[in-house]
Each structure stands twice: as C-alpha cells, then as structure tokens.
C-alpha cells in the first residue's frame, strides 16, 4: 500500500534505482554493499546513498529498499 501511495505522489523527475556497489571478502564470508540512486532535481542531478555491507544479497537489497523508502518519504512529505 505504501509503495502504491509513493508511486502516485512521486514527481516524474524523481527516478530511483538500486545497484550493487561492492562485493568483497573471502569466498566463505562475502559482504555485499548496495546503493540507491535518486534523481532529486528536474535538471538531472542524481544523489547516491550507500548502505552498510551485508552478509547476503537479499539483506543488502532489503536494506537499500528501506533506505529508498525513507528518502522518498522525507522528500515527498516535506512541509
């Protein structure tokens, strides 16, 4: 429900994406670092926010998704 509300209120110029920034560590204990990019201006400026390294891809993606939702809520509901 929250995602639907955010997608309805999001300005068209505010695009976002998620990507793997770094994958490292020994084979038995890899760490994955994901980041989210958010276009914060109609002039095309993009900000990238990096989350802490996590032990699995799923945890890293989930952490980046939570960060993105927090950023979108702060951006959309500023008064």
N, C-alpha and C. Protein backbone atom coordinates (compact mmCIF):
# COMPACT_ATOMS: atom_id res chain seq x y z
N UNK A 1 0.82 -1.20 0.00
CA UNK A 1 0.00 0.00 0.00
C UNK A 1 0.87 1.27 0.00
N UNK A 2 1.91 1.27 0.86
CA UNK A 2 2.78 2.43 0.95
C UNK A 2 3.49 2.68 -0.38
N UNK A 3 3.92 1.61 -1.03
CA UNK A 3 4.61 1.76 -2.31
C UNK A 3 3.68 2.37 -3.35
N UNK A 4 2.41 1.95 -3.35
CA UNK A 4 1.44 2.50 -4.29
C UNK A 4 1.22 3.99 -4.02
N UNK A 5 1.11 4.36 -2.77
CA UNK A 5 0.92 5.77 -2.42
C UNK A 5 2.13 6.59 -2.87
N UNK A 6 3.34 6.07 -2.61
CA UNK A 6 4.55 6.79 -3.00
C UNK A 6 4.64 6.93 -4.52
N UNK A 7 4.25 5.88 -5.25
CA UNK A 7 4.34 5.96 -6.70
C UNK A 7 3.33 6.95 -7.27
N UNK A 8 2.21 7.11 -6.60
CA UNK A 8 1.21 8.07 -7.08
C UNK A 8 1.64 9.51 -6.83
N UNK A 9 2.34 9.76 -5.72
CA UNK A 9 2.70 11.12 -5.36
C UNK A 9 4.08 11.53 -5.86
N UNK A 10 4.86 10.59 -6.36
CA UNK A 10 6.23 10.89 -6.78
C UNK A 10 6.23 11.73 -8.05
N UNK A 11 6.95 12.84 -8.05
CA UNK A 11 7.08 13.62 -9.28
C UNK A 11 7.79 12.81 -10.36
N UNK A 12 7.46 13.06 -11.60
CA UNK A 12 8.03 12.29 -12.71
C UNK A 12 9.55 12.44 -12.79
N UNK A 13 10.09 13.56 -12.37
CA UNK A 13 11.53 13.79 -12.46
C UNK A 13 12.31 13.00 -11.41
N UNK A 14 11.64 12.46 -10.40
CA UNK A 14 12.33 11.77 -9.31
C UNK A 14 12.39 10.27 -9.60
N UNK A 15 13.40 9.85 -10.31
CA UNK A 15 13.59 8.45 -10.62
C UNK A 15 14.54 7.84 -9.60
N UNK A 16 14.49 6.53 -9.43
CA UNK A 16 15.39 5.89 -8.49
C UNK A 16 15.79 4.52 -9.00
N UNK A 17 16.92 4.04 -8.52
CA UNK A 17 17.39 2.72 -8.89
C UNK A 17 18.25 2.16 -7.77
N UNK A 18 18.49 0.87 -7.86
CA UNK A 18 19.25 0.16 -6.85
C UNK A 18 20.33 -0.64 -7.56
N UNK A 19 21.56 -0.65 -7.02
CA UNK A 19 22.63 -1.40 -7.68
C UNK A 19 23.64 -1.89 -6.66
N UNK A 20 24.35 -2.95 -7.05
CA UNK A 20 25.42 -3.49 -6.21
C UNK A 20 26.65 -2.62 -6.41
N UNK A 21 27.11 -1.99 -5.35
CA UNK A 21 28.25 -1.09 -5.42
C UNK A 21 29.55 -1.85 -5.22
N UNK A 22 29.53 -2.82 -4.30
CA UNK A 22 30.75 -3.54 -4.00
C UNK A 22 30.42 -4.95 -3.50
N UNK A 23 31.24 -5.90 -3.93
CA UNK A 23 31.14 -7.27 -3.46
C UNK A 23 32.54 -7.68 -3.07
N UNK A 24 32.74 -8.05 -1.83
CA UNK A 24 34.10 -8.35 -1.42
C UNK A 24 34.17 -9.30 -0.25
N UNK A 25 35.39 -9.63 0.11
CA UNK A 25 35.64 -10.55 1.20
C UNK A 25 35.98 -11.94 0.70
N UNK A 26 36.42 -12.79 1.59
CA UNK A 26 36.75 -14.15 1.19
C UNK A 26 35.50 -14.93 0.78
N UNK A 27 35.72 -16.01 0.03
CA UNK A 27 34.59 -16.79 -0.51
C UNK A 27 33.66 -17.32 0.57
N UNK A 28 34.18 -17.61 1.75
CA UNK A 28 33.33 -18.17 2.81
C UNK A 28 32.55 -17.11 3.58
N UNK A 29 32.86 -15.84 3.39
CA UNK A 29 32.09 -14.79 4.09
C UNK A 29 32.08 -13.50 3.27
N UNK A 30 31.47 -13.56 2.11
CA UNK A 30 31.36 -12.37 1.24
C UNK A 30 30.48 -11.32 1.90
N UNK A 31 30.75 -10.07 1.55
CA UNK A 31 29.94 -8.94 2.01
C UNK A 31 29.47 -8.19 0.77
N UNK A 32 28.20 -7.80 0.75
CA UNK A 32 27.61 -7.12 -0.39
C UNK A 32 27.17 -5.73 0.04
N UNK A 33 27.54 -4.74 -0.75
CA UNK A 33 27.16 -3.36 -0.47
C UNK A 33 26.30 -2.87 -1.62
N UNK A 34 25.08 -2.45 -1.30
CA UNK A 34 24.17 -1.91 -2.30
C UNK A 34 23.97 -0.43 -2.06
N UNK A 35 23.64 0.26 -3.12
CA UNK A 35 23.35 1.68 -3.03
C UNK A 35 22.08 1.99 -3.80
N UNK A 36 21.47 3.09 -3.46
CA UNK A 36 20.29 3.55 -4.18
C UNK A 36 20.61 4.91 -4.79
N UNK A 37 20.14 5.10 -6.00
CA UNK A 37 20.28 6.40 -6.67
C UNK A 37 18.92 7.03 -6.78
N UNK A 38 18.88 8.33 -6.52
CA UNK A 38 17.62 9.04 -6.61
C UNK A 38 17.86 10.35 -7.33
N UNK A 39 17.12 10.56 -8.41
CA UNK A 39 17.19 11.82 -9.13
C UNK A 39 16.41 12.84 -8.32
N UNK A 40 17.12 13.81 -7.78
CA UNK A 40 16.49 14.76 -6.86
C UNK A 40 16.20 16.11 -7.49
N UNK A 41 16.38 16.22 -8.79
CA UNK A 41 16.17 17.51 -9.43
C UNK A 41 15.67 17.30 -10.86
N UNK A 42 14.93 18.25 -11.34
CA UNK A 42 14.49 18.17 -12.73
C UNK A 42 15.63 18.47 -13.70
N UNK A 43 16.77 18.94 -13.18
CA UNK A 43 17.94 19.20 -14.02
C UNK A 43 18.83 17.97 -14.19
N UNK A 44 18.45 16.86 -13.59
CA UNK A 44 19.19 15.63 -13.78
C UNK A 44 20.26 15.33 -12.74
N UNK A 45 20.28 16.05 -11.63
CA UNK A 45 21.24 15.72 -10.59
C UNK A 45 20.82 14.44 -9.91
N UNK A 46 21.77 13.55 -9.70
CA UNK A 46 21.46 12.29 -9.06
C UNK A 46 22.29 12.15 -7.80
N UNK A 47 21.64 11.80 -6.71
CA UNK A 47 22.33 11.52 -5.45
C UNK A 47 22.37 10.02 -5.25
N UNK A 48 23.50 9.52 -4.74
CA UNK A 48 23.61 8.09 -4.46
C UNK A 48 23.83 7.90 -2.96
N UNK A 49 23.09 6.99 -2.39
CA UNK A 49 23.18 6.69 -0.97
C UNK A 49 23.58 5.23 -0.83
N UNK A 50 24.62 4.97 -0.04
CA UNK A 50 25.18 3.63 0.12
C UNK A 50 24.79 3.11 1.50
N UNK A 51 24.39 1.83 1.55
CA UNK A 51 24.06 1.20 2.83
C UNK A 51 25.26 0.40 3.33
N UNK A 52 25.19 -0.03 4.57
CA UNK A 52 26.26 -0.82 5.17
C UNK A 52 26.40 -2.17 4.47
N UNK A 53 27.62 -2.72 4.41
CA UNK A 53 27.80 -4.06 3.82
C UNK A 53 27.01 -5.11 4.60
N UNK A 54 26.41 -6.05 3.89
CA UNK A 54 25.61 -7.11 4.50
C UNK A 54 26.14 -8.48 4.07
N UNK A 55 25.77 -9.50 4.81
CA UNK A 55 26.26 -10.86 4.57
C UNK A 55 25.58 -11.55 3.39
N UNK A 56 24.45 -11.04 2.94
CA UNK A 56 23.77 -11.67 1.80
C UNK A 56 23.23 -10.59 0.86
N UNK A 57 23.03 -10.99 -0.39
CA UNK A 57 22.50 -10.06 -1.39
C UNK A 57 21.10 -9.61 -0.99
N UNK A 58 20.27 -10.56 -0.51
CA UNK A 58 18.90 -10.24 -0.13
C UNK A 58 18.87 -9.19 0.99
N UNK A 59 19.69 -9.38 2.02
CA UNK A 59 19.72 -8.42 3.13
C UNK A 59 20.20 -7.05 2.65
N UNK A 60 21.19 -7.04 1.77
CA UNK A 60 21.70 -5.76 1.26
C UNK A 60 20.65 -5.05 0.41
N UNK A 61 19.94 -5.81 -0.44
CA UNK A 61 18.88 -5.20 -1.25
C UNK A 61 17.74 -4.69 -0.38
N UNK A 62 17.36 -5.48 0.63
CA UNK A 62 16.29 -5.06 1.54
C UNK A 62 16.67 -3.79 2.28
N UNK A 63 17.91 -3.71 2.73
CA UNK A 63 18.39 -2.53 3.43
C UNK A 63 18.37 -1.30 2.52
N UNK A 64 18.77 -1.49 1.27
CA UNK A 64 18.74 -0.38 0.31
C UNK A 64 17.31 0.04 0.00
N UNK A 65 16.40 -0.92 -0.07
CA UNK A 65 14.99 -0.59 -0.32
C UNK A 65 14.40 0.20 0.83
N UNK A 66 14.73 -0.18 2.06
CA UNK A 66 14.24 0.57 3.23
C UNK A 66 14.79 1.99 3.20
N UNK A 67 16.06 2.13 2.87
CA UNK A 67 16.66 3.47 2.78
C UNK A 67 15.95 4.30 1.72
N UNK A 68 15.67 3.70 0.57
CA UNK A 68 14.99 4.42 -0.51
C UNK A 68 13.60 4.88 -0.07
N UNK A 69 12.87 4.03 0.62
CA UNK A 69 11.53 4.42 1.10
C UNK A 69 11.64 5.57 2.10
N UNK A 70 12.64 5.51 2.99
CA UNK A 70 12.84 6.61 3.93
C UNK A 70 13.16 7.91 3.20
N UNK A 71 14.02 7.84 2.19
CA UNK A 71 14.37 9.04 1.43
C UNK A 71 13.17 9.60 0.68
N UNK A 72 12.38 8.71 0.08
CA UNK A 72 11.20 9.17 -0.66
C UNK A 72 10.17 9.80 0.27
N UNK A 73 9.99 9.21 1.44
CA UNK A 73 9.00 9.79 2.36
C UNK A 73 9.46 11.16 2.86
N UNK A 74 10.75 11.29 3.13
CA UNK A 74 11.26 12.60 3.55
C UNK A 74 11.10 13.62 2.44
N UNK A 75 11.37 13.21 1.20
CA UNK A 75 11.29 14.13 0.06
C UNK A 75 9.86 14.51 -0.24
N UNK A 76 8.96 13.53 -0.22
CA UNK A 76 7.58 13.79 -0.62
C UNK A 76 6.76 14.49 0.44
N UNK A 77 7.07 14.25 1.70
CA UNK A 77 6.24 14.79 2.76
C UNK A 77 6.91 15.92 3.53
N UNK A 78 7.82 16.63 2.86
CA UNK A 78 8.42 17.82 3.48
C UNK A 78 7.39 18.93 3.52
N UNK A 79 7.42 19.66 4.61
CA UNK A 79 6.50 20.80 4.72
C UNK A 79 7.24 22.07 4.93
